[in-house]
Structures are given as C-alpha cells and as structure tokens.
Amino acid sequence: MDMGRESRWEKDAMTVEIVFALVTAIALAVAVFAVALALALAFGISGPAKKGMLVGGALLAATAGMWRLVRALCRFDEQRRMGR
C-alpha cells in the first residue's frame, strides 16, 4: 500500500468525526436558539423587541454551532497528526 495514502480505517474515522461534529454543532445551535425563544416567550416580549431577540438568538446559535464544528474538527486533526 502507498504510504502517502490514508487507510480505509482512517477515512472511516474522518467520516465519523465529521458527522459527529455536524450533529453536535446543530444540537448546540438548536439549544442556544431555544433559550432565546424561551426567554422571549417567558417574559412576554412582543413586537420589534421579540424580533430583535430572535435574530440575536439566531446569530448566537449560528456562531456557537460554527465554533463547535471548527473546534471538533481541529481537535480531531490535532490528534490525527499526533498519531492517536
């Protein structure tokens, strides 16, 4: 086998890690947005304030999701380069 190529096991591990990173990023984003929505509903916020809070919650959710995705993939790459 060519030493420059990745083994089937390494490719499978990468696929599993990518799916794990995507699923956890989506779960985190949903949780963050749910908190913003719950706060808007709990305090009875309406009108432009509610819209602003939900837009802010969506932005925070997207940021948290992307942060989780990048963090998980970078950690996997670090471990892969170290040979673990």
N, C-alpha and C. Protein backbone atom coordinates (compact mmCIF):
# COMPACT_ATOMS: atom_id res chain seq x y z
N MET A 1 0.84 -1.18 0.00
CA MET A 1 0.00 0.00 0.00
C MET A 1 0.88 1.24 0.00
N ASP A 2 0.44 2.27 -0.66
CA ASP A 2 1.18 3.52 -0.75
C ASP A 2 1.18 4.22 0.60
N MET A 3 2.35 4.60 1.09
CA MET A 3 2.48 5.23 2.40
C MET A 3 1.87 6.63 2.45
N GLY A 4 1.71 7.28 1.29
CA GLY A 4 1.14 8.62 1.26
C GLY A 4 -0.37 8.65 1.36
N ARG A 5 -0.98 7.52 1.18
CA ARG A 5 -2.44 7.48 1.20
C ARG A 5 -2.95 7.07 2.57
N GLU A 6 -4.19 7.47 2.83
CA GLU A 6 -4.82 7.12 4.10
C GLU A 6 -5.46 5.74 3.98
N SER A 7 -5.43 5.02 5.07
CA SER A 7 -6.05 3.70 5.07
C SER A 7 -7.57 3.85 5.12
N ARG A 8 -8.25 2.77 4.86
CA ARG A 8 -9.71 2.77 4.90
C ARG A 8 -10.19 3.12 6.30
N TRP A 9 -9.49 2.61 7.32
CA TRP A 9 -9.86 2.89 8.70
C TRP A 9 -9.77 4.39 8.99
N GLU A 10 -8.70 5.04 8.50
CA GLU A 10 -8.54 6.48 8.71
C GLU A 10 -9.64 7.27 8.01
N LYS A 11 -10.02 6.86 6.82
CA LYS A 11 -11.11 7.53 6.11
C LYS A 11 -12.43 7.37 6.85
N ASP A 12 -12.68 6.17 7.36
CA ASP A 12 -13.89 5.93 8.12
C ASP A 12 -13.91 6.77 9.40
N ALA A 13 -12.76 6.85 10.06
CA ALA A 13 -12.67 7.65 11.28
C ALA A 13 -12.93 9.12 10.98
N MET A 14 -12.42 9.61 9.87
CA MET A 14 -12.67 11.00 9.47
C MET A 14 -14.15 11.24 9.21
N THR A 15 -14.79 10.30 8.53
CA THR A 15 -16.22 10.43 8.24
C THR A 15 -17.03 10.46 9.52
N VAL A 16 -16.72 9.58 10.44
CA VAL A 16 -17.44 9.55 11.71
C VAL A 16 -17.23 10.85 12.47
N GLU A 17 -16.02 11.37 12.47
CA GLU A 17 -15.73 12.61 13.19
C GLU A 17 -16.45 13.80 12.55
N ILE A 18 -16.53 13.84 11.25
CA ILE A 18 -17.23 14.93 10.57
C ILE A 18 -18.72 14.88 10.91
N VAL A 19 -19.31 13.70 10.86
CA VAL A 19 -20.74 13.56 11.20
C VAL A 19 -20.97 13.94 12.66
N PHE A 20 -20.08 13.50 13.55
CA PHE A 20 -20.19 13.84 14.97
C PHE A 20 -20.12 15.35 15.16
N ALA A 21 -19.18 16.00 14.49
CA ALA A 21 -19.03 17.44 14.61
C ALA A 21 -20.27 18.17 14.10
N LEU A 22 -20.82 17.73 12.98
CA LEU A 22 -22.02 18.36 12.43
C LEU A 22 -23.22 18.18 13.36
N VAL A 23 -23.42 16.97 13.86
CA VAL A 23 -24.57 16.70 14.73
C VAL A 23 -24.48 17.50 16.02
N THR A 24 -23.31 17.53 16.64
CA THR A 24 -23.18 18.28 17.89
C THR A 24 -23.27 19.78 17.65
N ALA A 25 -22.79 20.27 16.51
CA ALA A 25 -22.91 21.69 16.19
C ALA A 25 -24.38 22.08 16.00
N ILE A 26 -25.12 21.24 15.31
CA ILE A 26 -26.55 21.51 15.11
C ILE A 26 -27.29 21.46 16.44
N ALA A 27 -26.97 20.48 17.28
CA ALA A 27 -27.63 20.37 18.59
C ALA A 27 -27.34 21.60 19.44
N LEU A 28 -26.11 22.08 19.43
CA LEU A 28 -25.75 23.27 20.20
C LEU A 28 -26.49 24.49 19.67
N ALA A 29 -26.55 24.64 18.35
CA ALA A 29 -27.24 25.78 17.76
C ALA A 29 -28.73 25.76 18.11
N VAL A 30 -29.34 24.60 18.05
CA VAL A 30 -30.77 24.49 18.40
C VAL A 30 -30.98 24.84 19.87
N ALA A 31 -30.09 24.38 20.73
CA ALA A 31 -30.22 24.67 22.16
C ALA A 31 -30.08 26.17 22.44
N VAL A 32 -29.13 26.82 21.79
CA VAL A 32 -28.94 28.26 22.00
C VAL A 32 -30.15 29.04 21.51
N PHE A 33 -30.67 28.68 20.34
CA PHE A 33 -31.85 29.37 19.83
C PHE A 33 -33.07 29.09 20.70
N ALA A 34 -33.19 27.88 21.21
CA ALA A 34 -34.31 27.54 22.09
C ALA A 34 -34.30 28.38 23.36
N VAL A 35 -33.12 28.66 23.88
CA VAL A 35 -33.01 29.51 25.07
C VAL A 35 -33.51 30.91 24.75
N ALA A 36 -33.10 31.46 23.60
CA ALA A 36 -33.55 32.80 23.21
C ALA A 36 -35.07 32.82 23.02
N LEU A 37 -35.60 31.80 22.39
CA LEU A 37 -37.05 31.72 22.17
C LEU A 37 -37.79 31.58 23.50
N ALA A 38 -37.28 30.75 24.38
CA ALA A 38 -37.91 30.55 25.69
C ALA A 38 -37.90 31.84 26.50
N LEU A 39 -36.81 32.58 26.44
CA LEU A 39 -36.76 33.86 27.17
C LEU A 39 -37.76 34.86 26.60
N ALA A 40 -37.87 34.91 25.28
CA ALA A 40 -38.83 35.82 24.65
C ALA A 40 -40.25 35.46 25.04
N LEU A 41 -40.55 34.17 25.09
CA LEU A 41 -41.90 33.74 25.46
C LEU A 41 -42.15 33.90 26.96
N ALA A 42 -41.15 33.62 27.78
CA ALA A 42 -41.31 33.69 29.24
C ALA A 42 -41.55 35.12 29.71
N PHE A 43 -40.86 36.07 29.11
CA PHE A 43 -41.01 37.46 29.53
C PHE A 43 -42.09 38.20 28.76
N GLY A 44 -42.76 37.51 27.85
CA GLY A 44 -43.85 38.12 27.11
C GLY A 44 -43.42 39.26 26.21
N ILE A 45 -42.25 39.18 25.68
CA ILE A 45 -41.73 40.22 24.79
C ILE A 45 -42.47 40.13 23.46
N SER A 46 -42.85 41.27 22.91
CA SER A 46 -43.56 41.27 21.63
C SER A 46 -43.05 42.40 20.75
N GLY A 47 -43.47 42.36 19.50
CA GLY A 47 -43.13 43.42 18.55
C GLY A 47 -41.68 43.37 18.12
N PRO A 48 -41.11 44.57 17.90
CA PRO A 48 -39.72 44.65 17.41
C PRO A 48 -38.70 44.07 18.39
N ALA A 49 -38.98 44.16 19.67
CA ALA A 49 -38.05 43.62 20.67
C ALA A 49 -37.96 42.10 20.54
N LYS A 50 -39.11 41.46 20.31
CA LYS A 50 -39.11 40.00 20.15
C LYS A 50 -38.35 39.60 18.89
N LYS A 51 -38.60 40.35 17.82
CA LYS A 51 -37.90 40.06 16.56
C LYS A 51 -36.39 40.24 16.75
N GLY A 52 -35.99 41.31 17.41
CA GLY A 52 -34.57 41.55 17.67
C GLY A 52 -33.95 40.46 18.53
N MET A 53 -34.70 40.03 19.52
CA MET A 53 -34.19 38.97 20.39
C MET A 53 -34.04 37.66 19.63
N LEU A 54 -34.99 37.35 18.77
CA LEU A 54 -34.90 36.11 17.99
C LEU A 54 -33.79 36.18 16.95
N VAL A 55 -33.60 37.34 16.34
CA VAL A 55 -32.49 37.50 15.39
C VAL A 55 -31.15 37.37 16.12
N GLY A 56 -31.06 37.99 17.29
CA GLY A 56 -29.85 37.86 18.10
C GLY A 56 -29.61 36.42 18.52
N GLY A 57 -30.69 35.73 18.89
CA GLY A 57 -30.58 34.31 19.25
C GLY A 57 -30.13 33.46 18.07
N ALA A 58 -30.63 33.78 16.88
CA ALA A 58 -30.23 33.04 15.68
C ALA A 58 -28.75 33.29 15.37
N LEU A 59 -28.30 34.53 15.53
CA LEU A 59 -26.89 34.84 15.29
C LEU A 59 -25.99 34.14 16.30
N LEU A 60 -26.40 34.16 17.57
CA LEU A 60 -25.63 33.45 18.59
C LEU A 60 -25.62 31.95 18.33
N ALA A 61 -26.75 31.41 17.90
CA ALA A 61 -26.84 29.98 17.61
C ALA A 61 -25.92 29.61 16.45
N ALA A 62 -25.92 30.42 15.40
CA ALA A 62 -25.04 30.14 14.26
C ALA A 62 -23.57 30.23 14.67
N THR A 63 -23.25 31.22 15.47
CA THR A 63 -21.87 31.37 15.94
C THR A 63 -21.45 30.20 16.82
N ALA A 64 -22.31 29.80 17.74
CA ALA A 64 -21.99 28.67 18.62
C ALA A 64 -21.85 27.37 17.82
N GLY A 65 -22.72 27.17 16.84
CA GLY A 65 -22.64 25.97 16.01
C GLY A 65 -21.36 25.92 15.21
N MET A 66 -20.99 27.03 14.60
CA MET A 66 -19.75 27.06 13.82
C MET A 66 -18.54 26.87 14.72
N TRP A 67 -18.57 27.48 15.90
CA TRP A 67 -17.46 27.31 16.84
C TRP A 67 -17.30 25.84 17.21
N ARG A 68 -18.41 25.17 17.48
CA ARG A 68 -18.36 23.75 17.85
C ARG A 68 -17.83 22.89 16.70
N LEU A 69 -18.29 23.18 15.50
CA LEU A 69 -17.86 22.43 14.32
C LEU A 69 -16.36 22.57 14.11
N VAL A 70 -15.87 23.78 14.12
CA VAL A 70 -14.44 24.03 13.90
C VAL A 70 -13.61 23.44 15.03
N ARG A 71 -14.07 23.59 16.26
CA ARG A 71 -13.32 23.08 17.41
C ARG A 71 -13.20 21.56 17.35
N ALA A 72 -14.29 20.88 17.04
CA ALA A 72 -14.26 19.41 16.99
C ALA A 72 -13.36 18.92 15.86
N LEU A 73 -13.44 19.56 14.71
CA LEU A 73 -12.61 19.11 13.58
C LEU A 73 -11.13 19.43 13.79
N CYS A 74 -10.84 20.58 14.38
CA CYS A 74 -9.44 20.91 14.66
C CYS A 74 -8.84 19.97 15.70
N ARG A 75 -9.63 19.62 16.70
CA ARG A 75 -9.14 18.69 17.72
C ARG A 75 -8.87 17.32 17.11
N PHE A 76 -9.75 16.87 16.22
CA PHE A 76 -9.54 15.59 15.55
C PHE A 76 -8.27 15.63 14.71
N ASP A 77 -8.07 16.73 13.98
CA ASP A 77 -6.89 16.85 13.14
C ASP A 77 -5.62 16.86 13.98
N GLU A 78 -5.66 17.54 15.13
CA GLU A 78 -4.51 17.55 16.03
C GLU A 78 -4.16 16.14 16.50
N GLN A 79 -5.18 15.40 16.91
CA GLN A 79 -4.95 14.04 17.39
C GLN A 79 -4.47 13.14 16.27
N ARG A 80 -5.00 13.34 15.07
CA ARG A 80 -4.59 12.53 13.92
C ARG A 80 -3.12 12.78 13.59
N ARG A 81 -2.71 14.03 13.66
CA ARG A 81 -1.31 14.36 13.36
C ARG A 81 -0.35 13.84 14.43
N MET A 82 -0.86 13.71 15.66
CA MET A 82 -0.02 13.18 16.73
C MET A 82 0.04 11.66 16.70
N GLY A 83 -0.79 11.06 15.88
CA GLY A 83 -0.76 9.61 15.74
C GLY A 83 -1.67 8.86 16.67
N ARG A 84 -2.65 9.53 17.25
CA ARG A 84 -3.58 8.85 18.18
C ARG A 84 -4.74 8.30 17.44
